Amino acid sequence: MPLPRRTLLQATTAALALTALAAATLHTASVHAAPDAAAQFPTKPVRIVVPVAPGGSADKLTRTLADKLGALWGQSVIVENIAGASGTIGAGRVAKAAPDGYTLLQQGEGITLNGILFRELPYDTQKSFVPVIKAVVNPQILVVHPGTGIQTLGDYVARARAQPESISLGLPGNGGIAHVAHEILSQETGAKVNYIPYPGGGPATVDVLAGHTNATLITLAAVTDYVRAGKLRALAVTTSYRSPALPDVPTVAEAGGPAGFSVESWQGYFAPAGTPPAIVAKINRDIQTVLQAPEVRAQLEAQGFKVAGGSPGDLAASLRAEQPRYAQAIKTAGLALR
C-alpha cells in the first residue's frame, strides 16, 4: 500500500537529514584524519625526480637530502634522474603523479625559465605543482680548462670578442640560468662564444675536464672540488658576493665585468598540485630539519651551496618575483622561444 503523502514527506525529510549528517560526519572525519595522515607520512618509499643527468649540483644536493630524509623517515627515498628537454620531461612526469607527497620534483629557477621559453609544455607551470621549499641558493661560476691559457675574465672576454665563437662553452641545459646569465654577459661585453648544450651539469663538466670543450658556466657546487684541485680554472662568480666555498674567486663585477652584474640561482622541491597542505607542510619541516643539521649544513656550504629554507609560501613569492625579471632578461638577450 502506498504511504500517505504526509508520511512520505516525513520519511524523505528524515532520509535527507541522515544523508546530510553522514556527509558532515565524513567531512569532519576527513578533516581530523588529515593531520594524522601527515604525522604518519611517509608510510612507503618516496621518489624525488631530478630532471637532469646525474653528477651535477642538483643531483648532489638531492642525494644528500635523500640519504638524511630516509634516515629521518625510516623509509627509502629514491632519487630518479629523468633528463631531457631542459628538465621538462621529468617535470611532466611529476605533474601526472598522484598528489600524495610520495613523488616530488627537484627544480630551481628553470621552472620559471621553461615557462617563458617553451611554447608548449607537458604541464601547466602555474597550476601543475605546489611549492614545498627553496632548499639552497648558489652562484653560477665561469670556469675554463687550464689548457686554454685563459687566466682571467678579461682574457676570456677579449678572446671571445676578437675571435667570435672560438671559445666552446658547455651549458648544463639549453635556456637555463647559466645560458641566460651568459647571454646577459655577452650583450654587455660583446663576447661571442659557441654554446654547446648538455642534458645536465655532470656531462658538461666532464667534457671541460677532458678538454673537449673550453669552458662552462655552471652552478658553483658542481665544480668546487675540481677548482680546488686545479683541474679547472675559475674566472668569476655571477653573484654580487663571493662564495665562502671559493673565497679567492672574484665576482663578475670585481673581475672587470659589467658593474652591478648579479645572477643567483636556487634549487628547491615541488609536489604535484592537489597534494594535501598538511603533507606539504610536513615535508617542508622535515627538509628544513635536515638542512639545519650541523653536519649537513657544513657539507653543503663546503660544496658552495648556501642553505635557504623558508615556507612553501616563501617559495611561491619568490617564483612570482623572478618571473618578470627573467622574462625581461630573455627578451633583451633575444633568446628564441622553443
Protein backbone atom coordinates (compact mmCIF):
# COMPACT_ATOMS: atom_id res chain seq x y z
CA MET A 1 0.00 0.00 0.00
CA PRO A 2 1.41 3.45 -0.88
CA LEU A 3 2.49 5.62 2.04
CA PRO A 4 0.30 8.63 2.85
CA ARG A 5 1.68 11.91 1.50
CA ARG A 6 2.47 13.25 4.98
CA THR A 7 4.31 10.02 5.94
CA LEU A 8 6.23 10.03 2.64
CA LEU A 9 7.30 13.63 3.20
CA GLN A 10 8.45 12.82 6.72
CA ALA A 11 10.39 9.79 5.51
CA THR A 12 12.05 11.80 2.73
CA THR A 13 12.98 14.59 5.14
CA ALA A 14 14.44 12.09 7.57
CA ALA A 15 16.46 10.41 4.80
CA LEU A 16 17.83 13.75 3.64
CA ALA A 17 18.75 14.65 7.20
CA LEU A 18 20.56 11.34 7.65
CA THR A 19 22.39 11.87 4.36
CA ALA A 20 23.45 15.36 5.41
CA LEU A 21 24.55 14.06 8.80
CA ALA A 22 26.54 11.27 7.19
CA ALA A 23 28.21 13.73 4.80
CA ALA A 24 29.04 16.07 7.66
CA THR A 25 30.42 13.17 9.69
CA LEU A 26 32.59 12.03 6.77
CA HIS A 27 33.82 15.60 6.20
CA THR A 28 34.63 16.00 9.89
CA ALA A 29 36.39 12.65 9.91
CA SER A 30 38.49 13.57 6.87
CA VAL A 31 39.42 16.92 8.40
CA HIS A 32 40.51 15.21 11.61
CA ALA A 33 42.25 12.45 9.67
CA ALA A 34 44.39 14.82 7.61
CA PRO A 35 46.76 15.82 10.45
CA ASP A 36 47.07 12.16 11.47
CA ALA A 37 47.96 11.19 7.90
CA ALA A 38 50.54 13.97 7.79
CA ALA A 39 52.02 12.92 11.13
CA GLN A 40 52.40 9.35 9.88
CA PHE A 41 53.84 10.38 6.47
CA PRO A 42 55.61 8.62 4.87
CA THR A 43 54.48 5.01 5.20
CA LYS A 44 56.17 3.85 1.98
CA PRO A 45 59.15 4.87 -0.20
CA VAL A 46 59.28 8.45 -1.53
CA ARG A 47 60.57 9.25 -5.03
CA ILE A 48 62.34 12.51 -5.89
CA VAL A 49 62.66 13.22 -9.61
CA VAL A 50 65.79 15.16 -10.61
CA PRO A 51 65.12 16.32 -14.19
CA VAL A 52 68.78 16.43 -15.26
CA ALA A 53 71.57 13.89 -15.71
CA PRO A 54 73.46 12.52 -12.67
CA GLY A 55 76.58 14.24 -11.40
CA GLY A 56 75.55 17.90 -11.34
CA SER A 57 74.77 20.11 -8.36
CA ALA A 58 71.03 19.31 -8.36
CA ASP A 59 71.83 15.61 -8.22
CA LYS A 60 74.43 16.05 -5.45
CA LEU A 61 72.05 18.14 -3.34
CA THR A 62 69.13 15.75 -3.75
CA ARG A 63 71.15 12.65 -2.95
CA THR A 64 72.47 14.30 0.21
CA LEU A 65 68.93 15.18 1.31
CA ALA A 66 67.53 11.80 0.26
CA ASP A 67 70.02 9.95 2.45
CA LYS A 68 69.19 12.03 5.52
CA LEU A 69 65.43 12.08 4.89
CA GLY A 70 65.45 8.31 4.54
CA ALA A 71 67.04 8.01 7.97
CA LEU A 72 64.58 10.52 9.46
CA TRP A 73 61.52 8.89 7.91
CA GLY A 74 62.52 5.27 8.21
CA GLN A 75 61.64 4.86 4.54
CA SER A 76 63.64 4.66 1.33
CA VAL A 77 63.96 7.94 -0.57
CA ILE A 78 64.68 7.12 -4.21
CA VAL A 79 66.39 9.66 -6.48
CA GLU A 80 65.38 9.22 -10.11
CA ASN A 81 67.17 11.17 -12.85
CA ILE A 82 64.86 11.87 -15.80
CA ALA A 83 66.83 14.18 -18.10
CA GLY A 84 65.84 15.82 -21.35
CA ALA A 85 64.23 18.91 -22.89
CA SER A 86 65.73 21.28 -20.30
CA GLY A 87 64.10 19.42 -17.44
CA THR A 88 60.57 19.47 -18.82
CA ILE A 89 60.32 15.69 -19.31
CA GLY A 90 60.98 14.94 -15.65
CA ALA A 91 58.71 17.77 -14.54
CA GLY A 92 55.96 16.41 -16.78
CA ARG A 93 56.21 13.00 -15.09
CA VAL A 94 55.78 14.54 -11.65
CA ALA A 95 52.84 16.66 -12.82
CA LYS A 96 51.00 13.43 -13.67
CA ALA A 97 51.89 11.64 -10.41
CA ALA A 98 49.42 11.04 -7.60
CA PRO A 99 49.15 14.15 -5.37
CA ASP A 100 50.00 12.33 -2.16
CA GLY A 101 53.53 13.52 -1.34
CA TYR A 102 55.22 10.32 -2.47
CA THR A 103 56.54 11.85 -5.70
CA LEU A 104 58.47 15.12 -5.54
CA LEU A 105 60.25 17.26 -8.12
CA GLN A 106 63.63 18.91 -7.71
CA GLN A 107 63.63 22.22 -9.57
CA GLY A 108 65.07 25.68 -9.44
CA GLU A 109 64.66 28.83 -11.49
CA GLY A 110 64.42 26.53 -14.52
CA ILE A 111 60.74 26.04 -13.73
CA THR A 112 60.25 29.76 -14.38
CA LEU A 113 62.60 29.92 -17.37
CA ASN A 114 60.95 26.97 -19.12
CA GLY A 115 57.56 28.57 -18.64
CA ILE A 116 58.88 31.61 -20.52
CA LEU A 117 60.91 29.85 -23.21
CA PHE A 118 58.66 26.95 -24.24
CA ARG A 119 55.55 27.49 -26.35
CA GLU A 120 54.14 24.13 -25.22
CA LEU A 121 54.91 22.11 -22.10
CA PRO A 122 53.64 18.75 -20.82
CA TYR A 123 52.32 20.58 -17.75
CA ASP A 124 50.97 23.97 -16.67
CA THR A 125 53.76 25.92 -15.00
CA GLN A 126 51.28 27.90 -12.88
CA LYS A 127 48.90 25.09 -11.93
CA SER A 128 50.61 21.68 -12.03
CA PHE A 129 52.80 21.98 -8.93
CA VAL A 130 52.71 23.25 -5.37
CA PRO A 131 55.91 24.70 -3.86
CA VAL A 132 57.41 22.81 -0.94
CA ILE A 133 60.69 24.57 -0.12
CA LYS A 134 63.57 26.59 -1.52
CA ALA A 135 66.43 24.48 -0.21
CA VAL A 136 69.58 26.35 -1.28
CA VAL A 137 70.84 29.33 -3.26
CA ASN A 138 74.17 29.46 -5.05
CA PRO A 139 76.22 31.38 -7.59
CA GLN A 140 76.92 30.30 -11.11
CA ILE A 141 80.65 30.16 -11.84
CA LEU A 142 82.56 30.55 -15.10
CA VAL A 143 85.38 28.01 -15.37
CA VAL A 144 87.81 27.10 -18.15
CA HIS A 145 90.15 24.22 -18.86
CA PRO A 146 93.70 25.26 -17.82
CA GLY A 147 94.94 24.31 -21.27
CA THR A 148 93.08 27.23 -22.85
CA GLY A 149 95.65 29.67 -21.48
CA ILE A 150 92.82 31.92 -20.28
CA GLN A 151 93.77 33.32 -16.89
CA THR A 152 91.10 35.93 -16.13
CA LEU A 153 87.63 37.06 -17.11
CA GLY A 154 89.31 39.88 -19.04
CA ASP A 155 91.25 37.31 -21.11
CA TYR A 156 88.05 35.37 -21.73
CA VAL A 157 86.09 38.39 -22.93
CA ALA A 158 88.98 39.68 -25.06
CA ARG A 159 89.35 36.36 -26.88
CA ALA A 160 85.59 35.95 -27.34
CA ARG A 161 85.41 39.44 -28.88
CA ALA A 162 88.49 39.17 -31.08
CA GLN A 163 87.68 35.62 -32.26
CA PRO A 164 83.89 35.20 -32.08
CA GLU A 165 82.74 31.65 -31.24
CA SER A 166 86.33 30.41 -30.87
CA ILE A 167 85.55 29.51 -27.25
CA SER A 168 83.30 26.45 -26.85
CA LEU A 169 81.07 26.85 -23.79
CA GLY A 170 79.27 23.77 -22.44
CA LEU A 171 75.89 24.64 -20.98
CA PRO A 172 74.09 22.49 -18.38
CA GLY A 173 70.84 22.76 -20.36
CA ASN A 174 69.63 24.96 -23.17
CA GLY A 175 67.91 28.13 -21.96
CA GLY A 176 68.73 27.55 -18.29
CA ILE A 177 70.01 30.09 -15.80
CA ALA A 178 73.61 29.64 -16.99
CA HIS A 179 72.55 30.35 -20.57
CA VAL A 180 70.58 33.43 -19.56
CA ALA A 181 73.45 34.69 -17.36
CA HIS A 182 76.00 34.29 -20.15
CA GLU A 183 73.69 35.94 -22.67
CA ILE A 184 73.46 38.96 -20.39
CA LEU A 185 77.26 38.98 -20.06
CA SER A 186 77.64 38.66 -23.85
CA GLN A 187 75.27 41.51 -24.53
CA GLU A 188 77.07 43.82 -22.13
CA THR A 189 80.62 42.90 -23.19
CA GLY A 190 80.32 41.81 -26.84
CA ALA A 191 81.75 38.36 -26.05
CA LYS A 192 80.50 35.74 -28.54
CA VAL A 193 81.03 32.05 -27.75
CA ASN A 194 79.96 28.74 -29.24
CA TYR A 195 77.21 27.35 -26.99
CA ILE A 196 77.07 23.57 -26.63
CA PRO A 197 74.06 22.36 -24.58
CA TYR A 198 74.21 19.24 -22.39
CA PRO A 199 71.47 17.36 -20.50
CA GLY A 200 72.92 18.47 -17.17
CA GLY A 201 75.88 19.86 -15.28
CA GLY A 202 77.59 16.49 -14.89
CA PRO A 203 78.13 15.81 -18.62
CA ALA A 204 79.02 19.46 -19.28
CA THR A 205 81.72 19.34 -16.60
CA VAL A 206 83.14 16.02 -17.81
CA ASP A 207 83.76 17.41 -21.30
CA VAL A 208 85.55 20.51 -19.98
CA LEU A 209 87.72 18.35 -17.75
CA ALA A 210 88.60 16.19 -20.76
CA GLY A 211 89.39 19.24 -22.88
CA HIS A 212 86.59 18.54 -25.36
CA THR A 213 85.12 21.96 -24.61
CA ASN A 214 86.91 25.07 -23.35
CA ALA A 215 84.60 26.32 -20.62
CA THR A 216 81.34 26.03 -18.78
CA LEU A 217 79.14 28.37 -16.76
CA ILE A 218 77.62 26.20 -14.07
CA THR A 219 76.37 26.07 -10.50
CA LEU A 220 79.37 26.57 -8.25
CA ALA A 221 78.63 23.49 -6.15
CA ALA A 222 79.09 21.26 -9.22
CA VAL A 223 82.77 22.14 -9.68
CA THR A 224 84.22 23.26 -6.34
CA ASP A 225 86.39 20.16 -5.95
CA TYR A 226 87.77 20.46 -9.50
CA VAL A 227 88.65 24.14 -8.97
CA ARG A 228 90.38 23.38 -5.67
CA ALA A 229 92.35 20.57 -7.34
CA GLY A 230 93.46 22.85 -10.19
CA LYS A 231 91.68 20.76 -12.81
CA LEU A 232 89.51 23.75 -13.75
CA ARG A 233 90.36 27.45 -13.57
CA ALA A 234 87.67 29.68 -12.09
CA LEU A 235 87.29 33.14 -13.62
CA ALA A 236 84.34 34.66 -11.77
CA VAL A 237 81.09 34.01 -9.91
CA THR A 238 77.85 35.57 -11.14
CA THR A 239 76.57 36.82 -7.79
CA SER A 240 77.22 40.20 -6.19
CA TYR A 241 79.08 38.38 -3.39
CA ARG A 242 81.95 35.90 -3.32
CA SER A 243 81.29 32.32 -2.23
CA PRO A 244 82.83 31.21 1.08
CA ALA A 245 83.49 27.86 -0.62
CA LEU A 246 85.88 29.55 -3.12
CA PRO A 247 86.69 32.91 -1.50
CA ASP A 248 89.53 33.75 -3.90
CA VAL A 249 87.26 33.72 -6.96
CA PRO A 250 86.08 37.26 -7.76
CA THR A 251 82.60 38.34 -8.78
CA VAL A 252 81.98 39.26 -12.42
CA ALA A 253 81.98 42.93 -11.44
CA GLU A 254 85.22 42.61 -9.44
CA ALA A 255 86.87 40.81 -12.36
CA GLY A 256 86.27 43.74 -14.68
CA GLY A 257 82.85 42.73 -15.99
CA PRO A 258 79.71 44.85 -16.04
CA ALA A 259 79.15 46.84 -12.83
CA GLY A 260 76.26 45.51 -10.78
CA PHE A 261 76.18 42.17 -12.62
CA SER A 262 74.31 39.66 -10.43
CA VAL A 263 72.61 36.34 -11.14
CA GLU A 264 71.83 33.96 -8.27
CA SER A 265 70.38 30.51 -8.85
CA TRP A 266 68.48 28.31 -6.42
CA GLN A 267 67.24 24.77 -6.02
CA GLY A 268 64.12 23.55 -4.29
CA TYR A 269 61.36 20.99 -4.26
CA PHE A 270 57.78 20.77 -5.52
CA ALA A 271 54.86 18.35 -5.24
CA PRO A 272 52.05 17.66 -7.71
CA ALA A 273 49.12 20.05 -7.49
CA GLY A 274 46.46 18.79 -5.13
CA THR A 275 48.90 17.40 -2.57
CA PRO A 276 47.29 17.99 0.87
CA PRO A 277 48.67 21.11 2.57
CA ALA A 278 49.34 19.14 5.75
CA ILE A 279 51.59 16.74 3.82
CA VAL A 280 53.37 19.63 2.08
CA ALA A 281 53.95 21.28 5.46
CA LYS A 282 55.32 18.02 6.91
CA ILE A 283 57.79 17.58 4.04
CA ASN A 284 58.83 21.23 4.36
CA ARG A 285 59.51 20.88 8.08
CA ASP A 286 61.46 17.66 7.65
CA ILE A 287 63.64 19.03 4.83
CA GLN A 288 64.37 22.09 6.97
CA THR A 289 65.33 19.80 9.85
CA VAL A 290 67.80 18.02 7.58
CA LEU A 291 69.18 21.25 6.10
CA GLN A 292 69.79 22.76 9.53
CA ALA A 293 71.62 19.72 10.89
CA PRO A 294 75.19 20.99 11.53
CA GLU A 295 76.91 18.23 9.56
CA VAL A 296 74.59 18.61 6.55
CA ARG A 297 74.82 22.40 6.56
CA ALA A 298 78.63 22.22 6.72
CA GLN A 299 78.73 19.67 3.90
CA LEU A 300 76.50 21.75 1.63
CA GLU A 301 78.30 25.01 2.36
CA ALA A 302 81.66 23.37 1.65
CA GLN A 303 80.30 22.41 -1.77
CA GLY A 304 79.27 26.00 -2.44
CA PHE A 305 75.59 25.94 -1.52
CA LYS A 306 74.03 28.48 0.80
CA VAL A 307 71.18 26.98 2.82
CA ALA A 308 67.92 28.86 2.27
CA GLY A 309 64.81 27.22 3.77
CA GLY A 310 61.55 29.02 4.47
CA SER A 311 57.89 28.13 3.99
CA PRO A 312 56.06 26.94 0.87
CA GLY A 313 54.60 30.46 0.72
CA ASP A 314 58.09 31.96 0.66
CA LEU A 315 58.96 29.88 -2.42
CA ALA A 316 55.69 30.86 -4.09
CA ALA A 317 56.50 34.54 -3.51
CA SER A 318 59.99 34.04 -4.95
CA LEU A 319 58.53 32.50 -8.10
CA ARG A 320 56.20 35.46 -8.56
CA ALA A 321 59.06 37.92 -8.13
CA GLU A 322 61.52 36.30 -10.54
CA GLN A 323 59.14 35.69 -13.45
CA PRO A 324 59.04 39.27 -14.80
CA ARG A 325 62.78 39.74 -14.21
CA TYR A 326 63.74 36.67 -16.23
CA ALA A 327 61.14 37.34 -18.89
CA GLN A 328 62.74 40.75 -19.48
CA ALA A 329 66.26 39.26 -19.45
CA ILE A 330 65.28 36.64 -22.02
CA LYS A 331 63.63 39.24 -24.23
CA THR A 332 66.66 41.55 -24.00
CA ALA A 333 69.06 38.69 -24.71
CA GLY A 334 67.00 37.66 -27.73
CA LEU A 335 66.66 34.00 -26.74
CA ALA A 336 64.24 32.27 -29.09
CA LEU A 337 61.10 30.51 -27.93
CA ARG A 338 61.10 26.75 -28.39
